[in-house]
C-alpha atoms as a PDB file:
ATOM      1  CA  MET A   1     -61.077  49.053  55.289  1.00  0.00           C
ATOM      2  CA  ALA A   2     -57.473  49.784  56.041  1.00  0.00           C
ATOM      3  CA  GLN A   3     -55.209  46.742  56.168  1.00  0.00           C
ATOM      4  CA  ARG A   4     -53.599  45.980  59.477  1.00  0.00           C
ATOM      5  CA  ARG A   5     -49.868  46.241  59.445  1.00  0.00           C
ATOM      6  CA  LEU A   6     -48.143  43.256  60.958  1.00  0.00           C
ATOM      7  CA  LEU A   7     -45.318  44.073  63.265  1.00  0.00           C
ATOM      8  CA  PRO A   8     -42.459  41.681  63.954  1.00  0.00           C
ATOM      9  CA  LYS A   9     -42.650  39.625  67.085  1.00  0.00           C
ATOM     10  CA  PRO A  10     -40.674  40.877  70.076  1.00  0.00           C
ATOM     11  CA  ILE A  11     -37.490  38.992  70.902  1.00  0.00           C
ATOM     12  CA  ALA A  12     -36.396  38.618  74.538  1.00  0.00           C
ATOM     13  CA  THR A  13     -32.841  39.659  75.237  1.00  0.00           C
ATOM     14  CA  THR A  14     -30.851  39.780  78.435  1.00  0.00           C
ATOM     15  CA  LYS A  15     -28.414  42.382  79.583  1.00  0.00           C
ATOM     16  CA  GLY A  16     -26.476  41.836  82.770  1.00  0.00           C
ATOM     17  CA  LYS A  17     -27.386  39.376  85.474  1.00  0.00           C
ATOM     18  CA  GLY A  18     -31.081  38.635  85.904  1.00  0.00           C
ATOM     19  CA  ALA A  19     -32.172  41.585  83.739  1.00  0.00           C
ATOM     20  CA  SER A  20     -34.579  40.940  80.894  1.00  0.00           C
ATOM     21  CA  LYS A  21     -36.174  43.390  78.554  1.00  0.00           C
ATOM     22  CA  LEU A  22     -38.453  43.038  75.601  1.00  0.00           C
ATOM     23  CA  THR A  23     -36.994  44.668  72.518  1.00  0.00           C
ATOM     24  CA  ILE A  24     -38.399  44.825  69.023  1.00  0.00           C
ATOM     25  CA  SER A  25     -35.990  44.041  66.148  1.00  0.00           C
ATOM     26  CA  LYS A  26     -36.662  43.969  62.453  1.00  0.00           C
ATOM     27  CA  THR A  27     -35.424  40.710  60.806  1.00  0.00           C
ATOM     28  CA  PRO A  28     -34.964  40.440  57.046  1.00  0.00           C
ATOM     29  CA  PRO A  29     -37.194  37.962  55.192  1.00  0.00           C
ATOM     30  CA  PRO A  30     -35.693  34.541  54.716  1.00  0.00           C
ATOM     31  CA  ILE A  31     -33.892  33.877  51.394  1.00  0.00           C
ATOM     32  CA  LYS A  32     -35.139  30.877  49.463  1.00  0.00           C
ATOM     33  CA  SER A  33     -32.314  28.461  48.791  1.00  0.00           C
ATOM     34  CA  GLN A  34     -31.985  27.408  45.120  1.00  0.00           C
ATOM     35  CA  PRO A  35     -31.213  23.789  44.288  1.00  0.00           C
ATOM     36  CA  LYS A  36     -27.595  23.099  43.288  1.00  0.00           C
ATOM     37  CA  GLN A  37     -27.088  22.457  39.600  1.00  0.00           C
ATOM     38  CA  ASN A  38     -24.432  20.019  38.431  1.00  0.00           C
ATOM     39  CA  PRO A  39     -22.057  21.570  35.865  1.00  0.00           C
ATOM     40  CA  LYS A  40     -22.289  20.255  32.296  1.00  0.00           C
ATOM     41  CA  PRO A  41     -19.470  17.881  31.379  1.00  0.00           C
ATOM     42  CA  THR A  42     -16.986  19.350  28.928  1.00  0.00           C
ATOM     43  CA  LEU A  43     -14.920  17.323  26.446  1.00  0.00           C
ATOM     44  CA  VAL A  44     -11.261  18.170  26.699  1.00  0.00           C
ATOM     45  CA  THR A  45      -9.613  17.929  23.282  1.00  0.00           C
ATOM     46  CA  LYS A  46      -6.297  18.993  21.913  1.00  0.00           C
ATOM     47  CA  SER A  47      -6.493  21.731  19.289  1.00  0.00           C
ATOM     48  CA  ASN A  48      -5.184  20.316  15.986  1.00  0.00           C
ATOM     49  CA  PRO A  49      -2.371  22.380  14.490  1.00  0.00           C
ATOM     50  CA  LYS A  50      -2.907  23.702  11.003  1.00  0.00           C
ATOM     51  CA  VAL A  51      -1.077  21.845   8.252  1.00  0.00           C
ATOM     52  CA  ASN A  52       1.091  24.109   6.108  1.00  0.00           C
ATOM     53  CA  LEU A  53       0.655  23.061   2.475  1.00  0.00           C
ATOM     54  CA  GLU A  54       3.216  25.488   1.070  1.00  0.00           C
ATOM     55  CA  ASN A  55       6.028  24.053  -1.106  1.00  0.00           C
ATOM     56  CA  MET A  56       4.171  20.736  -1.270  1.00  0.00           C
ATOM     57  CA  VAL A  57       5.609  18.245  -3.765  1.00  0.00           C
ATOM     58  CA  SER A  58       3.383  16.813  -6.506  1.00  0.00           C
ATOM     59  CA  ILE A  59       2.641  13.088  -6.549  1.00  0.00           C
ATOM     60  CA  ASP A  60       4.847  12.489  -9.610  1.00  0.00           C
ATOM     61  CA  GLY A  61       7.877  14.014  -7.896  1.00  0.00           C
ATOM     62  CA  LEU A  62       7.670  12.068  -4.628  1.00  0.00           C
ATOM     63  CA  PRO A  63      10.753  10.102  -3.525  1.00  0.00           C
ATOM     64  CA  LYS A  64      10.239   6.340  -3.430  1.00  0.00           C
ATOM     65  CA  LEU A  65       9.803   5.707   0.293  1.00  0.00           C
ATOM     66  CA  GLN A  66       7.692   3.330   2.359  1.00  0.00           C
ATOM     67  CA  LEU A  67       6.605   2.751   5.946  1.00  0.00           C
ATOM     68  CA  THR A  68       7.809  -0.736   6.902  1.00  0.00           C
ATOM     69  CA  PHE A  69       5.736  -2.227   9.731  1.00  0.00           C
ATOM     70  CA  VAL A  70       7.848  -3.223  12.767  1.00  0.00           C
ATOM     71  CA  GLY A  71       5.131  -3.189  15.469  1.00  0.00           C
ATOM     72  CA  GLU A  72       3.182  -5.757  17.469  1.00  0.00           C
ATOM     73  CA  ASN A  73      -0.183  -5.650  15.694  1.00  0.00           C
ATOM     74  CA  LYS A  74      -0.818  -8.681  13.464  1.00  0.00           C
ATOM     75  CA  THR A  75      -3.070  -6.962  10.917  1.00  0.00           C
ATOM     76  CA  ALA A  76      -0.816  -4.079   9.840  1.00  0.00           C
ATOM     77  CA  THR A  77       1.347  -4.244   6.699  1.00  0.00           C
ATOM     78  CA  ASP A  78       3.914  -2.160   4.841  1.00  0.00           C
ATOM     79  CA  VAL A  79       2.663   0.822   2.844  1.00  0.00           C
ATOM     80  CA  SER A  80       4.238   3.018   0.174  1.00  0.00           C
ATOM     81  CA  LEU A  81       4.108   6.806   0.443  1.00  0.00           C
ATOM     82  CA  ILE A  82       2.388   7.552  -2.862  1.00  0.00           C
ATOM     83  CA  HIS A  83       0.061  10.342  -1.675  1.00  0.00           C
ATOM     84  CA  ASN A  84       0.833  13.866  -0.572  1.00  0.00           C
ATOM     85  CA  PRO A  85      -0.390  14.722   2.045  1.00  0.00           C
ATOM     86  CA  PHE A  86      -0.598  11.248   3.604  1.00  0.00           C
ATOM     87  CA  GLU A  87      -3.196  10.657   6.359  1.00  0.00           C
ATOM     88  CA  ILE A  88      -2.810   8.070   9.154  1.00  0.00           C
ATOM     89  CA  GLY A  89      -5.524   7.156  11.665  1.00  0.00           C
ATOM     90  CA  ARG A  90      -8.626   5.157  12.571  1.00  0.00           C
ATOM     91  CA  LYS A  91     -10.638   6.631   9.694  1.00  0.00           C
ATOM     92  CA  ALA A  92      -7.854   8.159   7.623  1.00  0.00           C
ATOM     93  CA  LYS A  93      -7.749   8.203   3.838  1.00  0.00           C
ATOM     94  CA  HIS A  94      -4.479   6.374   3.256  1.00  0.00           C
ATOM     95  CA  LEU A  95      -3.252   4.289   6.243  1.00  0.00           C
ATOM     96  CA  LEU A  96      -5.886   2.768   8.532  1.00  0.00           C
ATOM     97  CA  ILE A  97      -4.710   1.816  12.029  1.00  0.00           C
ATOM     98  CA  ASN A  98      -7.169   0.603  14.671  1.00  0.00           C
ATOM     99  CA  SER A  99      -5.974  -0.621  18.046  1.00  0.00           C
ATOM    100  CA  GLU A 100      -7.270  -3.973  19.304  1.00  0.00           C
ATOM    101  CA  VAL A 101      -6.023  -3.316  22.840  1.00  0.00           C
ATOM    102  CA  ALA A 102      -7.345   0.257  23.304  1.00  0.00           C
ATOM    103  CA  PRO A 103      -9.893   1.090  20.553  1.00  0.00           C
ATOM    104  CA  PHE A 104      -9.966   4.840  21.252  1.00  0.00           C
ATOM    105  CA  MET A 105      -6.232   5.292  21.771  1.00  0.00           C
ATOM    106  CA  LEU A 106      -5.881   6.343  18.140  1.00  0.00           C
ATOM    107  CA  SER A 107      -7.656   9.341  16.647  1.00  0.00           C
ATOM    108  CA  ARG A 108      -9.651   9.355  13.437  1.00  0.00           C
ATOM    109  CA  VAL A 109      -6.883  11.333  11.767  1.00  0.00           C
ATOM    110  CA  HIS A 110      -3.997  10.661  14.126  1.00  0.00           C
ATOM    111  CA  ALA A 111      -1.188  12.222  12.103  1.00  0.00           C
ATOM    112  CA  ILE A 112      -0.507  13.721   8.678  1.00  0.00           C
ATOM    113  CA  MET A 113       2.670  13.265   6.662  1.00  0.00           C
ATOM    114  CA  ILE A 114       3.582  15.828   4.029  1.00  0.00           C
ATOM    115  CA  CYS A 115       6.487  16.108   1.590  1.00  0.00           C
ATOM    116  CA  ARG A 116       7.890  19.609   1.026  1.00  0.00           C
ATOM    117  CA  THR A 117      10.782  21.135  -0.886  1.00  0.00           C
ATOM    118  CA  VAL A 118      13.156  22.961   1.462  1.00  0.00           C
ATOM    119  CA  ASN A 119      16.255  24.586  -0.083  1.00  0.00           C
ATOM    120  CA  GLY A 120      15.845  22.432  -3.174  1.00  0.00           C
ATOM    121  CA  ALA A 121      15.690  19.150  -1.204  1.00  0.00           C
ATOM    122  CA  LEU A 122      12.663  16.886  -0.758  1.00  0.00           C
ATOM    123  CA  ASN A 123      11.820  16.205   2.883  1.00  0.00           C
ATOM    124  CA  TRP A 124       8.983  14.327   4.587  1.00  0.00           C
ATOM    125  CA  TYR A 125       7.434  15.889   7.706  1.00  0.00           C
ATOM    126  CA  ILE A 126       4.978  14.389  10.184  1.00  0.00           C
ATOM    127  CA  ILE A 127       2.417  16.534  12.044  1.00  0.00           C
ATOM    128  CA  ASP A 128       0.569  15.236  15.099  1.00  0.00           C
ATOM    129  CA  GLN A 129      -3.241  15.610  15.053  1.00  0.00           C
ATOM    130  CA  SER A 130      -4.130  13.358  17.994  1.00  0.00           C
ATOM    131  CA  VAL A 131      -4.939  13.362  21.701  1.00  0.00           C
ATOM    132  CA  ASN A 132      -2.628  10.492  22.668  1.00  0.00           C
ATOM    133  CA  GLY A 133       0.427  11.635  20.782  1.00  0.00           C
ATOM    134  CA  THR A 134       2.759  10.702  17.922  1.00  0.00           C
ATOM    135  CA  PHE A 135       6.339   9.602  18.619  1.00  0.00           C
ATOM    136  CA  VAL A 136       9.469   9.671  16.458  1.00  0.00           C
ATOM    137  CA  ASN A 137      12.307   7.573  17.886  1.00  0.00           C
ATOM    138  CA  ASP A 138      10.437   7.407  21.250  1.00  0.00           C
ATOM    139  CA  ILE A 139      10.137  11.216  21.499  1.00  0.00           C
ATOM    140  CA  GLU A 140       6.684  12.827  21.399  1.00  0.00           C
ATOM    141  CA  ILE A 141       6.476  15.436  18.651  1.00  0.00           C
ATOM    142  CA  LYS A 142       4.184  18.152  17.325  1.00  0.00           C
ATOM    143  CA  GLU A 143       5.843  18.491  13.911  1.00  0.00           C
ATOM    144  CA  GLU A 144       9.062  16.774  12.949  1.00  0.00           C
ATOM    145  CA  LYS A 145      11.252  16.313   9.892  1.00  0.00           C
ATOM    146  CA  LEU A 146      11.724  12.638   9.088  1.00  0.00           C
ATOM    147  CA  ASN A 147      14.905  10.839   8.079  1.00  0.00           C
ATOM    148  CA  ILE A 148      15.531   7.385   6.614  1.00  0.00           C
ATOM    149  CA  GLY A 149      15.490   4.838   9.435  1.00  0.00           C
ATOM    150  CA  ASP A 150      13.247   6.784  11.830  1.00  0.00           C
ATOM    151  CA  ILE A 151      10.776   4.723  13.901  1.00  0.00           C
ATOM    152  CA  ILE A 152       7.290   6.277  14.131  1.00  0.00           C
ATOM    153  CA  CYS A 153       4.794   5.157  16.816  1.00  0.00           C
ATOM    154  CA  PHE A 154       1.165   6.202  17.261  1.00  0.00           C
ATOM    155  CA  GLY A 155      -0.532   6.449  20.669  1.00  0.00           C
ATOM    156  CA  LYS A 156       0.892   5.745  24.098  1.00  0.00           C
ATOM    157  CA  LYS A 157       0.542   3.455  27.101  1.00  0.00           C
ATOM    158  CA  GLY A 158       0.925   5.561  30.203  1.00  0.00           C
ATOM    159  CA  ASN A 159       3.881   7.835  29.532  1.00  0.00           C
ATOM    160  CA  PHE A 160       5.526   5.529  26.987  1.00  0.00           C
ATOM    161  CA  PRO A 161       4.873   5.183  23.241  1.00  0.00           C
ATOM    162  CA  SER A 162       2.713   2.254  22.204  1.00  0.00           C
ATOM    163  CA  LYS A 163       4.543  -0.323  20.075  1.00  0.00           C
ATOM    164  CA  GLU A 164       1.304  -1.744  18.637  1.00  0.00           C
ATOM    165  CA  PHE A 165       1.628   0.398  15.510  1.00  0.00           C
ATOM    166  CA  ALA A 166       5.278   1.153  14.832  1.00  0.00           C
ATOM    167  CA  PHE A 167       6.645   1.882  11.353  1.00  0.00           C
ATOM    168  CA  LYS A 168      10.151   2.405   9.994  1.00  0.00           C
ATOM    169  CA  LEU A 169      10.764   4.904   7.187  1.00  0.00           C
ATOM    170  CA  GLU A 170      12.762   3.168   4.442  1.00  0.00           C
ATOM    171  CA  GLU A 171      13.600   3.519   0.771  1.00  0.00           C
ATOM    172  CA  VAL A 172      11.801   1.299  -1.721  1.00  0.00           C
ATOM    173  CA  ILE A 173      14.410  -1.069  -3.190  1.00  0.00           C
ATOM    174  CA  VAL A 174      13.418  -2.864  -6.389  1.00  0.00           C
ATOM    175  CA  LYS A 175      15.084  -6.293  -6.339  1.00  0.00           C
ATOM    176  CA  THR A 176      15.939  -7.842  -9.735  1.00  0.00           C
ATOM    177  CA  PRO A 177      15.837 -11.661  -9.645  1.00  0.00           C
ATOM    178  CA  LYS A 178      18.990 -13.559 -10.682  1.00  0.00           C
ATOM    179  CA  VAL A 179      18.225 -16.126 -13.428  1.00  0.00           C
ATOM    180  CA  SER A 180      20.731 -18.930 -14.151  1.00  0.00           C
ATOM    181  CA  PHE A 181      21.273 -20.615 -17.523  1.00  0.00           C
ATOM    182  CA  ALA A 182      19.604 -23.792 -16.246  1.00  0.00           C
ATOM    183  CA  LYS A 183      16.486 -21.786 -15.459  1.00  0.00           C
ATOM    184  CA  ILE A 184      16.603 -20.255 -18.947  1.00  0.00           C
ATOM    185  CA  ASP A 185      16.681 -23.754 -20.495  1.00  0.00           C
ATOM    186  CA  LEU A 186      13.718 -24.806 -18.351  1.00  0.00           C
ATOM    187  CA  ILE A 187      11.832 -21.678 -19.433  1.00  0.00           C
ATOM    188  CA  LYS A 188      12.507 -22.524 -23.105  1.00  0.00           C
ATOM    189  CA  GLU A 189      11.246 -26.084 -22.603  1.00  0.00           C
ATOM    190  CA  ASP A 190       8.098 -24.760 -20.934  1.00  0.00           C
ATOM    191  CA  LEU A 191       7.537 -22.342 -23.801  1.00  0.00           C
ATOM    192  CA  GLN A 192       7.890 -25.154 -26.326  1.00  0.00           C
ATOM    193  CA  LYS A 193       5.444 -27.289 -24.360  1.00  0.00           C
ATOM    194  CA  ASN A 194       2.981 -24.436 -24.038  1.00  0.00           C
ATOM    195  CA  ASN A 195       3.173 -23.625 -27.794  1.00  0.00           C
ATOM    196  CA  PRO A 196       2.471 -26.927 -29.571  1.00  0.00           C
ATOM    197  CA  SER A 197       1.498 -25.113 -32.798  1.00  0.00           C
ATOM    198  CA  LYS A 198       5.097 -24.039 -33.328  1.00  0.00           C
ATOM    199  CA  ASN A 199       6.271 -27.576 -32.736  1.00  0.00           C
ATOM    200  CA  GLU A 200       3.704 -28.888 -35.221  1.00  0.00           C
ATOM    201  CA  ASN A 201       4.839 -26.340 -37.784  1.00  0.00           C
ATOM    202  CA  ASN A 202       8.438 -27.386 -37.246  1.00  0.00           C
ATOM    203  CA  GLY A 203       7.375 -31.013 -37.642  1.00  0.00           C
ATOM    204  CA  ASN A 204       5.497 -30.244 -40.864  1.00  0.00           C
ATOM    205  CA  ILE A 205       8.530 -28.423 -42.237  1.00  0.00           C
ATOM    206  CA  ASN A 206      10.755 -31.398 -41.442  1.00  0.00           C
ATOM    207  CA  ASN A 207       8.265 -33.801 -43.049  1.00  0.00           C
ATOM    208  CA  SER A 208       8.061 -31.684 -46.196  1.00  0.00           C
ATOM    209  CA  ASN A 209      11.845 -31.580 -46.429  1.00  0.00           C
ATOM    210  CA  GLN A 210      11.976 -35.356 -46.140  1.00  0.00           C
ATOM    211  CA  LEU A 211       9.323 -35.721 -48.892  1.00  0.00           C
ATOM    212  CA  ASN A 212      11.287 -33.412 -51.163  1.00  0.00           C
ATOM    213  CA  LYS A 213      14.390 -35.505 -50.617  1.00  0.00           C
ATOM    214  CA  VAL A 214      12.453 -38.704 -51.482  1.00  0.00           C
ATOM    215  CA  ASN A 215      11.020 -37.138 -54.634  1.00  0.00           C
ATOM    216  CA  THR A 216      14.404 -35.955 -55.826  1.00  0.00           C
ATOM    217  CA  ASN A 217      15.837 -39.444 -55.255  1.00  0.00           C
ATOM    218  CA  GLU A 218      12.997 -41.030 -57.240  1.00  0.00           C
ATOM    219  CA  ASN A 219      13.478 -38.587 -60.083  1.00  0.00           C
ATOM    220  CA  GLU A 220      17.190 -39.369 -60.163  1.00  0.00           C
ATOM    221  CA  ASN A 221      16.420 -43.101 -60.327  1.00  0.00           C
ATOM    222  CA  ILE A 222      13.938 -42.585 -63.170  1.00  0.00           C
ATOM    223  CA  ASN A 223      16.444 -40.507 -65.113  1.00  0.00           C
ATOM    224  CA  ASN A 224      19.090 -43.196 -64.662  1.00  0.00           C
ATOM    225  CA  ASN A 225      16.681 -45.887 -65.940  1.00  0.00           C
ATOM    226  CA  VAL A 226      15.794 -43.775 -68.959  1.00  0.00           C
ATOM    227  CA  ASN A 227      19.451 -43.277 -69.798  1.00  0.00           C
ATOM    228  CA  LYS A 228      20.059 -47.019 -69.491  1.00  0.00           C
ATOM    229  CA  ASN A 229      17.124 -47.805 -71.798  1.00  0.00           C
ATOM    230  CA  SER A 230      18.327 -45.291 -74.331  1.00  0.00           C
ATOM    231  CA  ASN A 231      21.758 -46.911 -74.354  1.00  0.00           C
ATOM    232  CA  VAL A 232      20.204 -50.361 -74.906  1.00  0.00           C
ATOM    233  CA  ILE A 233      18.126 -49.066 -77.816  1.00  0.00           C
ATOM    234  CA  SER A 234      21.161 -47.494 -79.468  1.00  0.00           C
ATOM    235  CA  VAL A 235      23.148 -50.759 -79.185  1.00  0.00           C
ATOM    236  CA  SER A 236      20.286 -52.809 -80.656  1.00  0.00           C
ATOM    237  CA  SER A 237      19.930 -50.374 -83.545  1.00  0.00           C
ATOM    238  CA  GLN A 238      23.636 -50.676 -84.335  1.00  0.00           C
ATOM    239  CA  LEU A 239      23.376 -54.481 -84.329  1.00  0.00           C
ATOM    240  CA  THR A 240      20.484 -54.430 -86.793  1.00  0.00           C
ATOM    241  CA  LYS A 241      22.436 -52.110 -89.076  1.00  0.00           C
ATOM    242  CA  ASN A 242      25.454 -54.452 -89.066  1.00  0.00           C
ATOM    243  CA  SER A 243      23.303 -57.483 -89.861  1.00  0.00           C
ATOM    244  CA  ASP A 244      21.744 -55.660 -92.811  1.00  0.00           C
ATOM    245  CA  ASN A 245      25.135 -54.738 -94.213  1.00  0.00           C
ATOM    246  CA  ASN A 246      26.344 -58.367 -94.045  1.00  0.00           C
ATOM    247  CA  ASN A 247      23.265 -59.573 -95.918  1.00  0.00           C
ATOM    248  CA  ASN A 248      23.832 -57.096 -98.696  1.00  0.00           C
ATOM    249  CA  ASN A 249      27.430 -58.159 -99.104  1.00  0.00           C
ATOM    250  CA  ASN A 250      26.414 -61.775 -99.471  1.00  0.00           C
END
């Protein structure tokens, strides 16, 4: 059997006043509407600049510098720059900084410091690796040469640098303590108290010297007595000789 072909339904249209005609019009099939799909969220991150490791100074040749803490955080301390490169951040290798106010303000590796030789001079550079910025003397930087006395801040509050972690680049000054003569005497007394064996040896030496003196005095006394006795014996012998001579004469 042949299938019956379905024709579209006639649509009534009007032309002019009171006129109506039946016309047949072909309408396209309805389009199925697809449900709207929400776009996938994308994480906006700043692309980290590559760190140039050319002309990097070895650890033995680094200048003696340190980052002195001058910020508001109570847990941070001073740190010496004894590594090259030197990482700073929430999970960095060398200087760990973690904000108590805004935990995710600081990046895992927020910034990298590197010491290079430029025209024969040693210079420290800082390279930003973060989303919330690194500031040198309140100016946001990408890469900057550092000088003694520069203030470095990490992260920001609004459009201003955060002072929670602020460090000052300074030279390491080795202070030699001044020792007075009175302190030297006290140190000697402490050493003598702490080393009684030496004192005992000194005491034994003094005692032995005193014994030697006593022995020499006793020996001198004995020698004197012997000399006296010998003199007495010689006198008595002379007397006996004289008495014998007188008897013979008689």
